[in-house]
PDB file of N, CA and C in Angstrom:
ATOM      1  N   UNK A   1       3.748  -3.068  16.960  1.00  0.00           N
ATOM      2  CA  UNK A   1       2.688  -2.271  16.371  1.00  0.00           C
ATOM      3  C   UNK A   1       2.646  -2.603  14.875  1.00  0.00           C
ATOM      4  N   UNK A   2       1.458  -2.799  14.312  1.00  0.00           N
ATOM      5  CA  UNK A   2       1.367  -3.115  12.891  1.00  0.00           C
ATOM      6  C   UNK A   2       1.954  -2.010  12.020  1.00  0.00           C
ATOM      7  N   UNK A   3       2.610  -2.413  10.954  1.00  0.00           N
ATOM      8  CA  UNK A   3       3.276  -1.463  10.048  1.00  0.00           C
ATOM      9  C   UNK A   3       2.282  -0.467   9.453  1.00  0.00           C
ATOM     10  N   UNK A   4       1.065  -0.918   9.159  1.00  0.00           N
ATOM     11  CA  UNK A   4       0.058  -0.027   8.579  1.00  0.00           C
ATOM     12  C   UNK A   4      -0.271   1.120   9.545  1.00  0.00           C
ATOM     13  N   UNK A   5      -0.276   0.842  10.845  1.00  0.00           N
ATOM     14  CA  UNK A   5      -0.531   1.875  11.842  1.00  0.00           C
ATOM     15  C   UNK A   5       0.637   2.849  11.918  1.00  0.00           C
ATOM     16  N   UNK A   6       1.866   2.332  11.853  1.00  0.00           N
ATOM     17  CA  UNK A   6       3.041   3.210  11.859  1.00  0.00           C
ATOM     18  C   UNK A   6       3.002   4.154  10.665  1.00  0.00           C
ATOM     19  N   UNK A   7       2.651   3.638   9.498  1.00  0.00           N
ATOM     20  CA  UNK A   7       2.566   4.472   8.290  1.00  0.00           C
ATOM     21  C   UNK A   7       1.493   5.546   8.435  1.00  0.00           C
ATOM     22  N   UNK A   8       0.369   5.188   9.041  1.00  0.00           N
ATOM     23  CA  UNK A   8      -0.705   6.158   9.247  1.00  0.00           C
ATOM     24  C   UNK A   8      -0.258   7.280  10.188  1.00  0.00           C
ATOM     25  N   UNK A   9       0.482   6.945  11.227  1.00  0.00           N
ATOM     26  CA  UNK A   9       0.968   7.970  12.164  1.00  0.00           C
ATOM     27  C   UNK A   9       1.938   8.911  11.464  1.00  0.00           C
ATOM     28  N   UNK A  10       2.832   8.374  10.637  1.00  0.00           N
ATOM     29  CA  UNK A  10       3.784   9.217   9.907  1.00  0.00           C
ATOM     30  C   UNK A  10       3.046  10.152   8.957  1.00  0.00           C
ATOM     31  N   UNK A  11       2.036   9.629   8.242  1.00  0.00           N
ATOM     32  CA  UNK A  11       1.248  10.476   7.338  1.00  0.00           C
ATOM     33  C   UNK A  11       0.540  11.582   8.105  1.00  0.00           C
ATOM     34  N   UNK A  12      -0.031  11.233   9.260  1.00  0.00           N
ATOM     35  CA  UNK A  12      -0.701  12.252  10.068  1.00  0.00           C
ATOM     36  C   UNK A  12       0.270  13.314  10.571  1.00  0.00           C
ATOM     37  N   UNK A  13       1.473  12.902  10.954  1.00  0.00           N
ATOM     38  CA  UNK A  13       2.469  13.882  11.411  1.00  0.00           C
ATOM     39  C   UNK A  13       2.787  14.882  10.309  1.00  0.00           C
ATOM     40  N   UNK A  14       2.798  14.427   9.067  1.00  0.00           N
ATOM     41  CA  UNK A  14       3.106  15.309   7.934  1.00  0.00           C
ATOM     42  C   UNK A  14       1.915  16.176   7.546  1.00  0.00           C
ATOM     43  N   UNK A  15       0.725  15.567   7.492  1.00  0.00           N
ATOM     44  CA  UNK A  15      -0.444  16.271   6.967  1.00  0.00           C
ATOM     45  C   UNK A  15      -1.252  17.005   8.025  1.00  0.00           C
ATOM     46  N   UNK A  16      -1.390  16.422   9.180  1.00  0.00           N
ATOM     47  CA  UNK A  16      -2.166  17.020  10.270  1.00  0.00           C
ATOM     48  C   UNK A  16      -1.376  16.837  11.566  1.00  0.00           C
ATOM     49  N   UNK A  17      -0.451  17.745  11.827  1.00  0.00           N
ATOM     50  CA  UNK A  17       0.489  17.572  12.946  1.00  0.00           C
ATOM     51  C   UNK A  17      -0.164  17.316  14.301  1.00  0.00           C
ATOM     52  N   UNK A  18      -1.306  17.935  14.584  1.00  0.00           N
ATOM     53  CA  UNK A  18      -1.922  17.742  15.905  1.00  0.00           C
ATOM     54  C   UNK A  18      -2.295  16.281  16.124  1.00  0.00           C
ATOM     55  N   UNK A  19      -2.983  15.662  15.160  1.00  0.00           N
ATOM     56  CA  UNK A  19      -3.424  14.281  15.324  1.00  0.00           C
ATOM     57  C   UNK A  19      -2.248  13.313  15.304  1.00  0.00           C
ATOM     58  N   UNK A  20      -1.268  13.581  14.472  1.00  0.00           N
ATOM     59  CA  UNK A  20      -0.069  12.752  14.457  1.00  0.00           C
ATOM     60  C   UNK A  20       0.669  12.834  15.779  1.00  0.00           C
ATOM     61  N   UNK A  21       0.789  14.029  16.319  1.00  0.00           N
ATOM     62  CA  UNK A  21       1.454  14.231  17.617  1.00  0.00           C
ATOM     63  C   UNK A  21       0.688  13.497  18.713  1.00  0.00           C
ATOM     64  N   UNK A  22      -0.651  13.588  18.655  1.00  0.00           N
ATOM     65  CA  UNK A  22      -1.481  12.924  19.661  1.00  0.00           C
ATOM     66  C   UNK A  22      -1.261  11.406  19.631  1.00  0.00           C
ATOM     67  N   UNK A  23      -1.316  10.788  18.456  1.00  0.00           N
ATOM     68  CA  UNK A  23      -1.117   9.340  18.352  1.00  0.00           C
ATOM     69  C   UNK A  23       0.305   8.932  18.701  1.00  0.00           C
ATOM     70  N   UNK A  24       1.285   9.733  18.266  1.00  0.00           N
ATOM     71  CA  UNK A  24       2.679   9.394  18.546  1.00  0.00           C
ATOM     72  C   UNK A  24       2.974   9.475  20.040  1.00  0.00           C
ATOM     73  N   UNK A  25       2.243  10.332  20.766  1.00  0.00           N
ATOM     74  CA  UNK A  25       2.487  10.513  22.191  1.00  0.00           C
ATOM     75  C   UNK A  25       1.814   9.486  23.086  1.00  0.00           C
ATOM     76  N   UNK A  26       0.920   8.677  22.529  1.00  0.00           N
ATOM     77  CA  UNK A  26       0.233   7.674  23.346  1.00  0.00           C
ATOM     78  C   UNK A  26       1.150   6.497  23.644  1.00  0.00           C
ATOM     79  N   UNK A  27       1.006   5.937  24.804  1.00  0.00           N
ATOM     80  CA  UNK A  27       1.703   4.690  25.133  1.00  0.00           C
ATOM     81  C   UNK A  27       1.048   3.582  24.314  1.00  0.00           C
ATOM     82  N   UNK A  28       1.833   2.626  23.824  1.00  0.00           N
ATOM     83  CA  UNK A  28       1.299   1.541  23.005  1.00  0.00           C
ATOM     84  C   UNK A  28       1.369   0.212  23.755  1.00  0.00           C
ATOM     85  N   UNK A  29       0.313  -0.586  23.576  1.00  0.00           N
ATOM     86  CA  UNK A  29       0.242  -1.903  24.185  1.00  0.00           C
ATOM     87  C   UNK A  29      -0.585  -2.789  23.259  1.00  0.00           C
ATOM     88  N   UNK A  30      -0.257  -4.064  23.168  1.00  0.00           N
ATOM     89  CA  UNK A  30      -0.981  -4.965  22.276  1.00  0.00           C
ATOM     90  C   UNK A  30      -2.418  -5.140  22.739  1.00  0.00           C
ATOM     91  N   UNK A  31      -3.341  -5.027  21.796  1.00  0.00           N
ATOM     92  CA  UNK A  31      -4.752  -5.246  22.091  1.00  0.00           C
ATOM     93  C   UNK A  31      -5.147  -6.667  21.724  1.00  0.00           C
ATOM     94  N   UNK A  32      -6.188  -7.172  22.345  1.00  0.00           N
ATOM     95  CA  UNK A  32      -6.600  -8.545  22.069  1.00  0.00           C
ATOM     96  C   UNK A  32      -8.076  -8.648  21.692  1.00  0.00           C
ATOM     97  N   UNK A  33      -8.739  -7.513  21.528  1.00  0.00           N
ATOM     98  CA  UNK A  33     -10.162  -7.569  21.169  1.00  0.00           C
ATOM     99  C   UNK A  33     -10.312  -7.793  19.669  1.00  0.00           C
ATOM    100  N   UNK A  34     -11.530  -7.940  19.214  1.00  0.00           N
ATOM    101  CA  UNK A  34     -11.802  -8.127  17.798  1.00  0.00           C
ATOM    102  C   UNK A  34     -11.738  -6.825  17.014  1.00  0.00           C
ATOM    103  N   UNK A  35     -11.595  -5.698  17.715  1.00  0.00           N
ATOM    104  CA  UNK A  35     -11.536  -4.404  17.051  1.00  0.00           C
ATOM    105  C   UNK A  35     -10.106  -4.103  16.629  1.00  0.00           C
ATOM    106  N   UNK A  36      -9.925  -3.402  15.487  1.00  0.00           N
ATOM    107  CA  UNK A  36      -8.569  -3.136  15.016  1.00  0.00           C
ATOM    108  C   UNK A  36      -7.777  -2.163  15.894  1.00  0.00           C
ATOM    109  N   UNK A  37      -8.474  -1.254  16.587  1.00  0.00           N
ATOM    110  CA  UNK A  37      -7.764  -0.232  17.342  1.00  0.00           C
ATOM    111  C   UNK A  37      -8.629   0.247  18.498  1.00  0.00           C
ATOM    112  N   UNK A  38      -7.989   0.545  19.614  1.00  0.00           N
ATOM    113  CA  UNK A  38      -8.705   1.076  20.760  1.00  0.00           C
ATOM    114  C   UNK A  38      -7.818   2.013  21.547  1.00  0.00           C
ATOM    115  N   UNK A  39      -8.441   2.881  22.320  1.00  0.00           N
ATOM    116  CA  UNK A  39      -7.719   3.784  23.220  1.00  0.00           C
ATOM    117  C   UNK A  39      -8.359   3.640  24.591  1.00  0.00           C
ATOM    118  N   UNK A  40      -7.538   3.503  25.608  1.00  0.00           N
ATOM    119  CA  UNK A  40      -8.034   3.374  26.975  1.00  0.00           C
ATOM    120  C   UNK A  40      -7.088   4.120  27.910  1.00  0.00           C
ATOM    121  N   UNK A  41      -7.467   4.220  29.151  1.00  0.00           N
ATOM    122  CA  UNK A  41      -6.605   4.813  30.173  1.00  0.00           C
ATOM    123  C   UNK A  41      -6.168   3.707  31.112  1.00  0.00           C
ATOM    124  N   UNK A  42      -4.870   3.596  31.313  1.00  0.00           N
ATOM    125  CA  UNK A  42      -4.312   2.641  32.272  1.00  0.00           C
ATOM    126  C   UNK A  42      -3.478   3.431  33.265  1.00  0.00           C
ATOM    127  N   UNK A  43      -3.899   3.379  34.513  1.00  0.00           N
ATOM    128  CA  UNK A  43      -3.233   4.129  35.580  1.00  0.00           C
ATOM    129  C   UNK A  43      -3.157   5.617  35.243  1.00  0.00           C
ATOM    130  N   UNK A  44      -4.215   6.131  34.605  1.00  0.00           N
ATOM    131  CA  UNK A  44      -4.288   7.542  34.265  1.00  0.00           C
ATOM    132  C   UNK A  44      -3.515   7.946  33.024  1.00  0.00           C
ATOM    133  N   UNK A  45      -2.952   6.986  32.312  1.00  0.00           N
ATOM    134  CA  UNK A  45      -2.152   7.279  31.114  1.00  0.00           C
ATOM    135  C   UNK A  45      -2.895   6.775  29.882  1.00  0.00           C
ATOM    136  N   UNK A  46      -3.141   7.644  28.878  1.00  0.00           N
ATOM    137  CA  UNK A  46      -3.812   7.181  27.665  1.00  0.00           C
ATOM    138  C   UNK A  46      -2.948   6.155  26.935  1.00  0.00           C
ATOM    139  N   UNK A  47      -3.571   5.038  26.538  1.00  0.00           N
ATOM    140  CA  UNK A  47      -2.847   3.934  25.917  1.00  0.00           C
ATOM    141  C   UNK A  47      -3.549   3.517  24.632  1.00  0.00           C
ATOM    142  N   UNK A  48      -2.776   3.378  23.565  1.00  0.00           N
ATOM    143  CA  UNK A  48      -3.270   2.923  22.270  1.00  0.00           C
ATOM    144  C   UNK A  48      -3.166   1.407  22.229  1.00  0.00           C
ATOM    145  N   UNK A  49      -4.253   0.727  21.838  1.00  0.00           N
ATOM    146  CA  UNK A  49      -4.296  -0.729  21.824  1.00  0.00           C
ATOM    147  C   UNK A  49      -4.554  -1.252  20.408  1.00  0.00           C
ATOM    148  N   UNK A  50      -3.518  -1.343  19.559  1.00  0.00           N
ATOM    149  CA  UNK A  50      -3.717  -1.910  18.226  1.00  0.00           C
ATOM    150  C   UNK A  50      -3.795  -3.429  18.283  1.00  0.00           C
ATOM    151  N   UNK A  51      -4.670  -4.016  17.488  1.00  0.00           N
ATOM    152  CA  UNK A  51      -4.797  -5.461  17.409  1.00  0.00           C
ATOM    153  C   UNK A  51      -4.321  -5.887  16.022  1.00  0.00           C
ATOM    154  N   UNK A  52      -3.235  -6.621  15.956  1.00  0.00           N
ATOM    155  CA  UNK A  52      -2.645  -7.011  14.672  1.00  0.00           C
ATOM    156  C   UNK A  52      -3.621  -7.808  13.813  1.00  0.00           C
ATOM    157  N   UNK A  53      -4.445  -8.646  14.434  1.00  0.00           N
ATOM    158  CA  UNK A  53      -5.373  -9.444  13.646  1.00  0.00           C
ATOM    159  C   UNK A  53      -6.537  -8.608  13.116  1.00  0.00           C
ATOM    160  N   UNK A  54      -6.753  -7.433  13.668  1.00  0.00           N
ATOM    161  CA  UNK A  54      -7.842  -6.560  13.204  1.00  0.00           C
ATOM    162  C   UNK A  54      -7.487  -5.738  11.980  1.00  0.00           C
ATOM    163  N   UNK A  55      -6.199  -5.568  11.688  1.00  0.00           N
ATOM    164  CA  UNK A  55      -5.762  -4.783  10.536  1.00  0.00           C
ATOM    165  C   UNK A  55      -5.626  -5.669   9.317  1.00  0.00           C
ATOM    166  N   UNK A  56      -6.151  -5.191   8.208  1.00  0.00           N
ATOM    167  CA  UNK A  56      -6.006  -5.914   6.941  1.00  0.00           C
ATOM    168  C   UNK A  56      -5.416  -4.960   5.919  1.00  0.00           C
ATOM    169  N   UNK A  57      -4.336  -5.356   5.247  1.00  0.00           N
ATOM    170  CA  UNK A  57      -3.731  -4.444   4.241  1.00  0.00           C
ATOM    171  C   UNK A  57      -4.605  -4.248   3.038  1.00  0.00           C
TER     172      UNK A  57
END
């Protein structure tokens, strides 16, 4: 998972616990689309799909 996304989750956990908890609880899997981030359901489980090439520091 890209470091920038990890930092965003930590900030959300501190500032807005509900959204941080929601993101931290999602299963993570590498994404391959041109979009920086996506959420989908795989086998009924919400999955976060970060794309490393989509994030720019």
